[in-house]
Protein backbone atom coordinates (compact mmCIF):
# COMPACT_ATOMS: atom_id res chain seq x y z
CA MET A 1 -43.92 25.45 -40.41
CA ALA A 2 -47.19 23.62 -40.34
CA GLN A 3 -48.50 21.46 -43.18
CA GLN A 4 -50.77 23.12 -45.72
CA PRO A 5 -54.25 21.63 -45.49
CA HIS A 6 -54.59 21.10 -49.26
CA VAL A 7 -51.20 19.44 -49.87
CA GLU A 8 -51.08 15.67 -49.72
CA ILE A 9 -47.93 14.10 -48.18
CA SER A 10 -46.93 10.60 -49.09
CA PRO A 11 -45.86 8.20 -46.30
CA THR A 12 -42.28 8.29 -47.55
CA GLU A 13 -42.16 12.04 -47.01
CA LEU A 14 -43.36 11.84 -43.41
CA PRO A 15 -40.72 12.32 -40.76
CA THR A 16 -39.38 9.07 -39.42
CA PRO A 17 -38.55 8.57 -35.79
CA VAL A 18 -34.83 8.71 -35.12
CA MET A 19 -33.48 5.68 -33.36
CA GLU A 20 -31.62 6.76 -30.24
CA PRO A 21 -29.07 4.63 -28.49
CA PRO A 22 -30.29 3.13 -25.25
CA PRO A 23 -29.19 4.80 -22.03
CA ALA A 24 -25.71 3.84 -20.89
CA ARG A 25 -25.46 0.84 -18.61
CA ARG A 26 -24.36 1.46 -15.07
CA ARG A 27 -20.76 0.57 -14.32
CA GLN A 28 -20.13 -2.22 -11.89
CA PRO A 29 -18.47 -0.93 -9.70
CA PRO A 30 -19.55 2.71 -10.10
CA ARG A 31 -15.94 3.86 -10.60
CA PRO A 32 -13.09 1.93 -12.18
CA GLY A 33 -10.80 0.42 -9.59
CA LEU A 34 -13.24 0.83 -6.70
CA ILE A 35 -12.96 -2.09 -4.31
CA THR A 36 -16.44 -3.02 -3.07
CA THR A 37 -15.84 -6.45 -1.53
CA PRO A 38 -12.89 -8.03 0.29
CA GLU A 39 -12.50 -10.57 -2.54
CA GLU A 40 -11.71 -7.74 -5.00
CA LYS A 41 -8.67 -6.54 -3.00
CA PRO A 42 -5.57 -7.04 -5.19
CA GLU A 43 -2.75 -9.01 -3.62
CA GLY A 44 0.67 -10.19 -4.65
CA GLY A 45 2.72 -9.36 -7.69
CA VAL A 46 3.10 -5.63 -8.24
CA PHE A 47 0.38 -4.92 -5.69
CA GLY A 48 2.25 -6.45 -2.74
CA THR A 49 0.14 -6.78 0.36
CA PRO A 50 -1.61 -3.49 1.01
CA GLY A 51 -2.49 -2.80 4.60
CA PRO A 52 -4.85 -0.27 6.16
CA ASP A 53 -3.33 3.12 6.90
CA THR A 54 0.35 2.26 6.70
CA GLY A 55 1.05 5.98 7.04
CA TRP A 56 0.45 5.49 10.75
CA ALA A 57 4.04 4.18 10.90
CA LEU A 58 5.24 7.72 10.20
CA ARG A 59 3.10 9.02 13.06
CA ILE A 60 4.57 6.46 15.45
CA LEU A 61 8.09 7.31 14.25
CA SER A 62 7.50 11.05 14.74
CA THR A 63 6.79 10.52 18.43
CA ALA A 64 9.47 7.86 19.02
CA ASP A 65 12.85 8.54 20.58
CA LEU A 66 15.14 6.87 18.05
CA PRO A 67 18.80 6.12 18.79
CA ASP A 68 19.83 7.54 15.39
CA ASP A 69 18.03 10.46 13.73
CA ASN A 70 19.02 9.58 10.15
CA PRO A 71 16.10 10.34 7.75
CA ARG A 72 16.90 7.26 5.65
CA LEU A 73 16.81 5.10 8.75
CA ARG A 74 13.33 6.48 9.48
CA GLN A 75 12.24 5.46 5.97
CA ILE A 76 13.64 1.97 6.47
CA LEU A 77 11.94 1.59 9.84
CA ALA A 78 8.65 2.80 8.33
CA ALA A 79 8.93 0.23 5.54
CA LEU A 80 9.65 -2.58 8.00
CA MET A 81 6.76 -1.50 10.23
CA SER A 82 4.36 -1.23 7.29
CA ALA A 83 5.32 -4.64 5.89
CA ARG A 84 4.80 -6.32 9.24
CA ALA A 85 1.48 -4.55 9.84
CA ALA A 86 0.22 -5.33 6.33
CA HIS A 87 1.05 -9.00 6.86
CA PHE A 88 -1.33 -9.01 9.82
CA GLY A 89 -3.94 -6.89 7.98
CA ARG A 90 -3.83 -3.96 10.37
CA ALA A 91 -2.26 -0.54 10.75
CA PRO A 92 1.22 -0.25 12.31
CA VAL A 93 1.43 -0.32 16.11
CA PRO A 94 4.30 0.52 18.50
CA GLU A 95 5.33 -3.15 18.72
CA ASP A 96 6.11 -3.01 14.99
CA LEU A 97 8.58 -0.21 15.74
CA GLN A 98 10.22 -2.30 18.46
CA VAL A 99 10.59 -5.24 16.06
CA ALA A 100 11.99 -2.96 13.33
CA LEU A 101 14.50 -1.42 15.75
CA THR A 102 15.62 -4.87 16.87
CA LEU A 103 16.13 -5.95 13.27
CA ALA A 104 18.06 -2.77 12.53
CA GLY A 105 20.52 -3.59 15.30
CA PHE A 106 19.19 -1.31 18.05
CA GLY A 107 18.07 -4.13 20.32
CA HIS A 108 19.36 -5.03 23.77
CA THR A 109 22.43 -6.69 22.26
CA ARG A 110 24.48 -4.93 19.63
CA SER A 111 26.25 -6.99 17.03
CA GLU A 112 28.67 -5.99 14.32
CA GLY A 113 26.73 -8.02 11.73
CA LEU A 114 23.50 -6.14 12.47
CA GLU A 115 25.25 -2.77 12.27
CA GLU A 116 26.79 -3.70 8.90
CA ARG A 117 23.37 -4.78 7.64
CA ARG A 118 21.84 -1.49 8.83
CA GLN A 119 24.52 0.50 6.99
CA ARG A 120 23.90 -1.58 3.85
CA TRP A 121 20.17 -0.79 4.11
CA ILE A 122 20.84 2.94 4.54
CA VAL A 123 23.09 3.02 1.46
CA ALA A 124 20.53 1.05 -0.57
CA ALA A 125 17.66 3.30 0.54
CA ALA A 126 19.24 6.25 -1.28
CA HIS A 127 18.84 4.45 -4.61
CA GLU A 128 15.46 2.78 -4.14
CA ARG A 129 12.20 4.03 -5.55
CA SER A 130 10.50 2.97 -2.30
CA PRO A 131 13.14 3.41 0.41
CA GLY A 132 13.30 0.37 2.66
CA ARG A 133 12.31 -2.18 0.06
CA ALA A 134 15.73 -3.86 0.22
CA ALA A 135 15.47 -4.06 4.00
CA VAL A 136 12.09 -5.78 3.83
CA ALA A 137 13.39 -8.21 1.21
CA ASP A 138 16.59 -8.86 3.16
CA VAL A 139 14.79 -9.64 6.41
CA GLY A 140 12.34 -12.05 4.79
CA GLY A 141 8.92 -13.08 5.94
CA ASP A 142 9.54 -15.74 8.58
CA LEU A 143 12.01 -13.79 10.68
CA PHE A 144 10.00 -10.74 11.56
CA LEU A 145 6.49 -11.14 10.27
CA ASP A 146 5.39 -13.98 12.50
CA ASN A 147 7.49 -13.17 15.58
CA THR A 148 6.73 -10.79 18.40
CA HIS A 149 9.28 -8.42 19.86
CA ALA A 150 9.80 -10.76 22.83
CA ASP A 151 10.51 -13.66 20.46
CA LEU A 152 13.19 -11.67 18.67
CA LYS A 153 14.77 -10.57 21.96
CA SER A 154 14.97 -14.16 23.14
CA ARG A 155 16.74 -15.16 19.92
CA GLY A 156 19.47 -12.67 20.65
């Protein structure tokens, strides 16, 4: 309702402007957890070493002719392939499968020790949250991460 022309209003009775909060600041980055630069990529600890598209290992395994069609063995091979590929900062490639098969005892020479290790990995994979984690830890970094398939074959 409008003010009556003959009624005087004191300054204390005038409406006061309401203070509004300022507009929200923009988030940096726009979404929590969004990686915008290579320096922000988490590494080590619980993050491990993430690699690009490690799911490609499953694609390579689906087209490969494996000597044993055990589903747990496929999970172990995928973990070994992904760990090796992530170490190099790339997606898994067929050479990673060859290295993983050699480490699992399916190389050109068969040894009883490698077959026992493979069976130990398969049993452990049933109880692991991420199947193949024990295999990656058992193999260690120096043995398979920095060697090519030809290097491993020459070692015997």
